[in-house]
Protein backbone atom coordinates (compact mmCIF):
# COMPACT_ATOMS: atom_id res chain seq x y z
CA MET A 1 -15.93 -0.22 188.76
CA LYS A 2 -18.67 -0.30 191.37
CA ASN A 3 -16.25 -2.06 193.73
CA TRP A 4 -13.68 0.72 193.51
CA THR A 5 -13.25 3.03 196.46
CA LEU A 6 -14.74 6.48 196.06
CA GLU A 7 -11.22 7.88 195.83
CA GLU A 8 -10.31 5.43 193.04
CA PHE A 9 -13.47 6.22 191.12
CA ALA A 10 -12.98 9.98 191.38
CA SER A 11 -9.30 9.69 190.47
CA GLN A 12 -10.03 7.58 187.39
CA SER A 13 -12.79 9.94 186.33
CA ALA A 14 -10.36 12.86 186.63
CA SER A 15 -7.76 11.12 184.44
CA LYS A 16 -7.35 11.07 180.66
CA GLU A 17 -9.00 7.65 180.50
CA PRO A 18 -12.31 7.72 178.58
CA VAL A 19 -14.20 5.83 181.29
CA PRO A 20 -15.78 6.47 183.66
CA GLY A 21 -17.00 9.57 181.90
CA GLY A 22 -20.26 11.49 181.99
CA GLY A 23 -22.42 8.40 181.64
CA GLY A 24 -20.70 6.42 184.38
CA VAL A 25 -20.63 9.37 186.74
CA SER A 26 -24.33 9.97 186.06
CA ALA A 27 -25.04 6.35 186.95
CA ALA A 28 -23.04 6.64 190.17
CA CYS A 29 -24.91 9.78 191.18
CA GLY A 30 -28.21 8.07 190.34
CA ALA A 31 -27.26 5.22 192.66
CA LEU A 32 -26.50 7.72 195.42
CA ALA A 33 -29.85 9.42 194.87
CA ALA A 34 -31.56 6.05 195.27
CA SER A 35 -29.52 5.29 198.39
CA LEU A 36 -30.63 8.53 200.04
CA GLY A 37 -34.23 7.62 199.29
CA GLU A 38 -33.61 4.30 201.00
CA MET A 39 -32.24 6.14 204.02
CA VAL A 40 -35.44 8.16 204.18
CA THR A 41 -37.55 5.00 204.30
CA ARG A 42 -35.38 3.44 207.01
CA LEU A 43 -35.59 6.56 209.17
CA THR A 44 -39.38 6.68 208.74
CA ILE A 45 -40.47 3.06 209.10
CA GLY A 46 -41.58 2.44 212.66
CA LYS A 47 -42.32 6.07 213.45
CA LYS A 48 -45.70 6.33 215.15
CA LYS A 49 -46.92 9.12 212.89
CA PHE A 50 -46.28 7.05 209.77
CA LEU A 51 -47.26 3.54 210.86
CA GLU A 52 -50.12 3.41 208.36
CA TYR A 53 -47.56 3.72 205.55
CA THR A 54 -45.28 0.92 206.75
CA GLU A 55 -46.13 -1.50 203.93
CA GLU A 56 -45.82 1.18 201.26
CA LEU A 57 -42.55 2.47 202.69
CA THR A 58 -41.17 -1.06 202.78
CA ASP A 59 -42.09 -1.56 199.12
CA ILE A 60 -40.46 1.76 198.19
CA GLN A 61 -37.34 0.78 200.12
CA LYS A 62 -37.09 -2.52 198.25
CA GLU A 63 -37.50 -0.88 194.86
CA LEU A 64 -34.95 1.83 195.63
CA SER A 65 -32.50 -0.87 196.70
CA ILE A 66 -32.94 -2.60 193.34
CA LEU A 67 -32.54 0.69 191.48
CA ARG A 68 -29.39 1.47 193.47
CA GLU A 69 -27.82 -1.83 192.41
CA GLU A 70 -28.95 -1.45 188.80
CA LEU A 71 -27.48 2.03 188.58
CA LEU A 72 -24.22 0.84 190.10
CA ASP A 73 -24.11 -1.93 187.48
CA ALA A 74 -24.81 0.72 184.83
CA ILE A 75 -21.42 2.30 185.54
CA GLU A 76 -19.65 -0.70 184.03
CA LYS A 77 -22.30 -1.19 181.36
CA ASP A 78 -21.80 2.37 180.19
CA ALA A 79 -18.05 1.81 179.99
CA GLU A 80 -18.59 -1.41 178.04
CA ALA A 81 -20.80 0.46 175.58
CA PHE A 82 -18.34 3.30 175.12
CA ARG A 83 -15.09 1.37 174.72
CA PRO A 84 -15.94 -0.01 171.22
CA LEU A 85 -17.03 3.47 170.11
CA SER A 86 -13.74 4.89 171.32
CA ALA A 87 -11.93 2.23 169.30
CA VAL A 88 -13.89 3.04 166.13
CA TYR A 89 -13.05 6.73 166.48
CA SER A 90 -9.38 5.78 166.16
CA LEU A 91 -9.92 3.97 162.84
CA PRO A 92 -9.39 5.66 159.46
CA LYS A 93 -12.73 6.84 158.12
CA ASP A 94 -12.11 5.06 154.83
CA SER A 95 -11.48 1.68 156.48
CA GLU A 96 -13.74 -1.21 155.53
CA GLY A 97 -17.06 -1.21 157.38
CA TYR A 98 -16.26 2.02 159.20
CA GLU A 99 -19.72 3.58 158.85
CA GLU A 100 -21.54 0.39 159.88
CA LYS A 101 -19.30 -0.06 162.92
CA MET A 102 -19.72 3.57 163.89
CA GLU A 103 -23.51 3.42 163.63
CA SER A 104 -23.72 0.25 165.71
CA CYS A 105 -21.43 1.68 168.38
CA LEU A 106 -23.29 5.00 168.50
CA LYS A 107 -26.58 3.19 169.11
CA ALA A 108 -25.08 1.10 171.91
CA ALA A 109 -23.43 4.16 173.46
CA ALA A 110 -26.73 6.08 173.40
CA ALA A 111 -28.77 3.18 174.82
CA SER A 112 -26.74 3.07 178.03
CA PRO A 113 -27.35 6.65 179.25
CA PHE A 114 -30.97 6.36 178.09
CA GLU A 115 -31.42 3.46 180.52
CA ILE A 116 -29.73 5.49 183.25
CA LEU A 117 -32.14 8.32 182.48
CA LYS A 118 -35.20 6.06 182.75
CA LYS A 119 -34.08 4.44 186.00
CA THR A 120 -33.42 7.86 187.53
CA CYS A 121 -36.89 9.01 186.50
CA ARG A 122 -38.20 6.15 188.60
CA VAL A 123 -36.09 7.30 191.55
CA ILE A 124 -37.76 10.71 191.23
CA GLU A 125 -41.20 9.09 191.16
CA LEU A 126 -40.42 7.28 194.40
CA ASP A 127 -39.01 10.45 195.98
CA GLU A 128 -42.23 12.13 194.95
CA ARG A 129 -44.23 9.63 196.95
CA LEU A 130 -41.82 9.74 199.89
CA ALA A 131 -42.03 13.51 200.23
CA PRO A 132 -45.34 13.60 202.17
CA ILE A 133 -44.91 10.34 204.09
CA SER A 134 -41.37 10.65 205.43
CA SER A 135 -40.03 11.69 208.79
CA LYS A 136 -38.79 15.25 209.15
CA LEU A 137 -35.60 13.72 210.54
CA ALA A 138 -34.83 12.68 206.97
CA ILE A 139 -36.21 15.65 205.11
CA SER A 140 -32.80 16.98 204.07
CA ASP A 141 -31.93 13.57 202.64
CA ALA A 142 -35.17 13.52 200.64
CA ALA A 143 -34.37 16.94 199.18
CA THR A 144 -30.79 15.93 198.39
CA SER A 145 -31.96 12.70 196.76
CA VAL A 146 -34.39 14.36 194.39
CA MET A 147 -32.06 17.18 193.36
CA LEU A 148 -29.16 14.80 192.83
CA ALA A 149 -31.49 12.76 190.64
CA GLU A 150 -32.41 15.89 188.70
CA GLY A 151 -28.74 16.49 187.95
CA VAL A 152 -28.45 12.92 186.69
CA LEU A 153 -31.28 13.58 184.24
CA TYR A 154 -29.28 16.32 182.55
CA GLY A 155 -26.05 14.32 182.49
CA ALA A 156 -27.69 11.19 181.07
CA HIS A 157 -29.75 13.21 178.59
CA PHE A 158 -26.66 14.93 177.21
CA ASN A 159 -24.88 11.60 176.85
CA VAL A 160 -27.78 10.39 174.72
CA LEU A 161 -27.63 13.56 172.62
CA VAL A 162 -23.89 13.41 172.00
CA ASN A 163 -24.45 10.07 170.25
CA THR A 164 -27.80 10.51 168.50
CA ARG A 165 -26.60 13.66 166.73
CA LEU A 166 -24.00 11.61 164.81
CA MET A 167 -26.23 8.72 163.77
CA LYS A 168 -27.00 8.17 160.10
CA ASP A 169 -30.29 6.48 160.91
CA ARG A 170 -32.13 9.71 161.58
CA ASP A 171 -35.52 8.07 162.22
CA TYR A 172 -34.04 6.00 165.03
CA ALA A 173 -31.98 8.89 166.36
CA GLU A 174 -34.84 11.37 166.40
CA LYS A 175 -37.23 8.92 168.04
CA LEU A 176 -34.76 8.09 170.81
CA GLN A 177 -33.83 11.73 171.29
CA LYS A 178 -37.46 12.82 171.54
CA GLU A 179 -38.09 10.20 174.23
CA ALA A 180 -35.05 11.46 176.13
CA ASP A 181 -36.11 15.10 175.67
CA ASP A 182 -39.61 14.37 176.93
CA LEU A 183 -38.34 12.51 179.99
CA LEU A 184 -35.96 15.32 180.85
CA GLN A 185 -38.62 17.98 180.56
CA GLU A 186 -41.23 16.10 182.59
CA TYR A 187 -39.02 14.75 185.36
CA ALA A 188 -36.85 17.83 185.86
CA GLU A 189 -40.07 19.71 186.59
CA ARG A 190 -41.32 16.97 188.88
CA ALA A 191 -38.03 16.86 190.78
CA LEU A 192 -38.15 20.60 191.41
CA LYS A 193 -41.74 20.34 192.63
CA VAL A 194 -40.71 17.63 195.10
CA TYR A 195 -37.86 19.79 196.34
CA ARG A 196 -40.15 22.76 196.87
CA TYR A 197 -42.70 20.57 198.64
CA VAL A 198 -40.04 19.20 200.99
CA GLU A 199 -38.81 22.74 201.60
CA ARG A 200 -42.33 23.83 202.62
CA ARG A 201 -42.62 20.83 204.97
CA LEU A 202 -39.41 21.90 206.67
CA HIS A 203 -41.06 25.18 207.68
CA GLU A 204 -44.35 23.69 208.86
């Protein structure tokens, strides 16, 4: 899916097909958030005012590039995790092994958006560091990156929740959900702080 055109991706997402759905779209938006962070580093490296941060900016750029690719790959991974679940939903509930199949598929379907959530938290951490050491030429891109990432947090979090709520293994479900809840709460706040910091820099 990552090799589709943007028009193809949006068209497929708008269709009745189950994928790409909320998880895949969250992954795509996470990749775009990472790409904007990369842009910020490229527009800053070499600027006289920020020469002392060249090595750090280069390291951030490399990590954001990796995250971008991983989040693009997560689009297909999320679809691969959801397709078996979609198939189980179509089975009669009294069919042999139904509950075991459902539980296994729910866990796989929850794991994918949880990984998207964690990777996007890392994008926010890197945006957080970029905020004070980036060129004002790229300040709008930094703000867009971090707020796009914040939106991904909510999308990925909800796609964890929609699966954990149905799991029979409540210990596993509640543990995973609490981790997702905690990440959402912490990083949504951090993203907003970065945005406000960048906004203040714009008016300096």
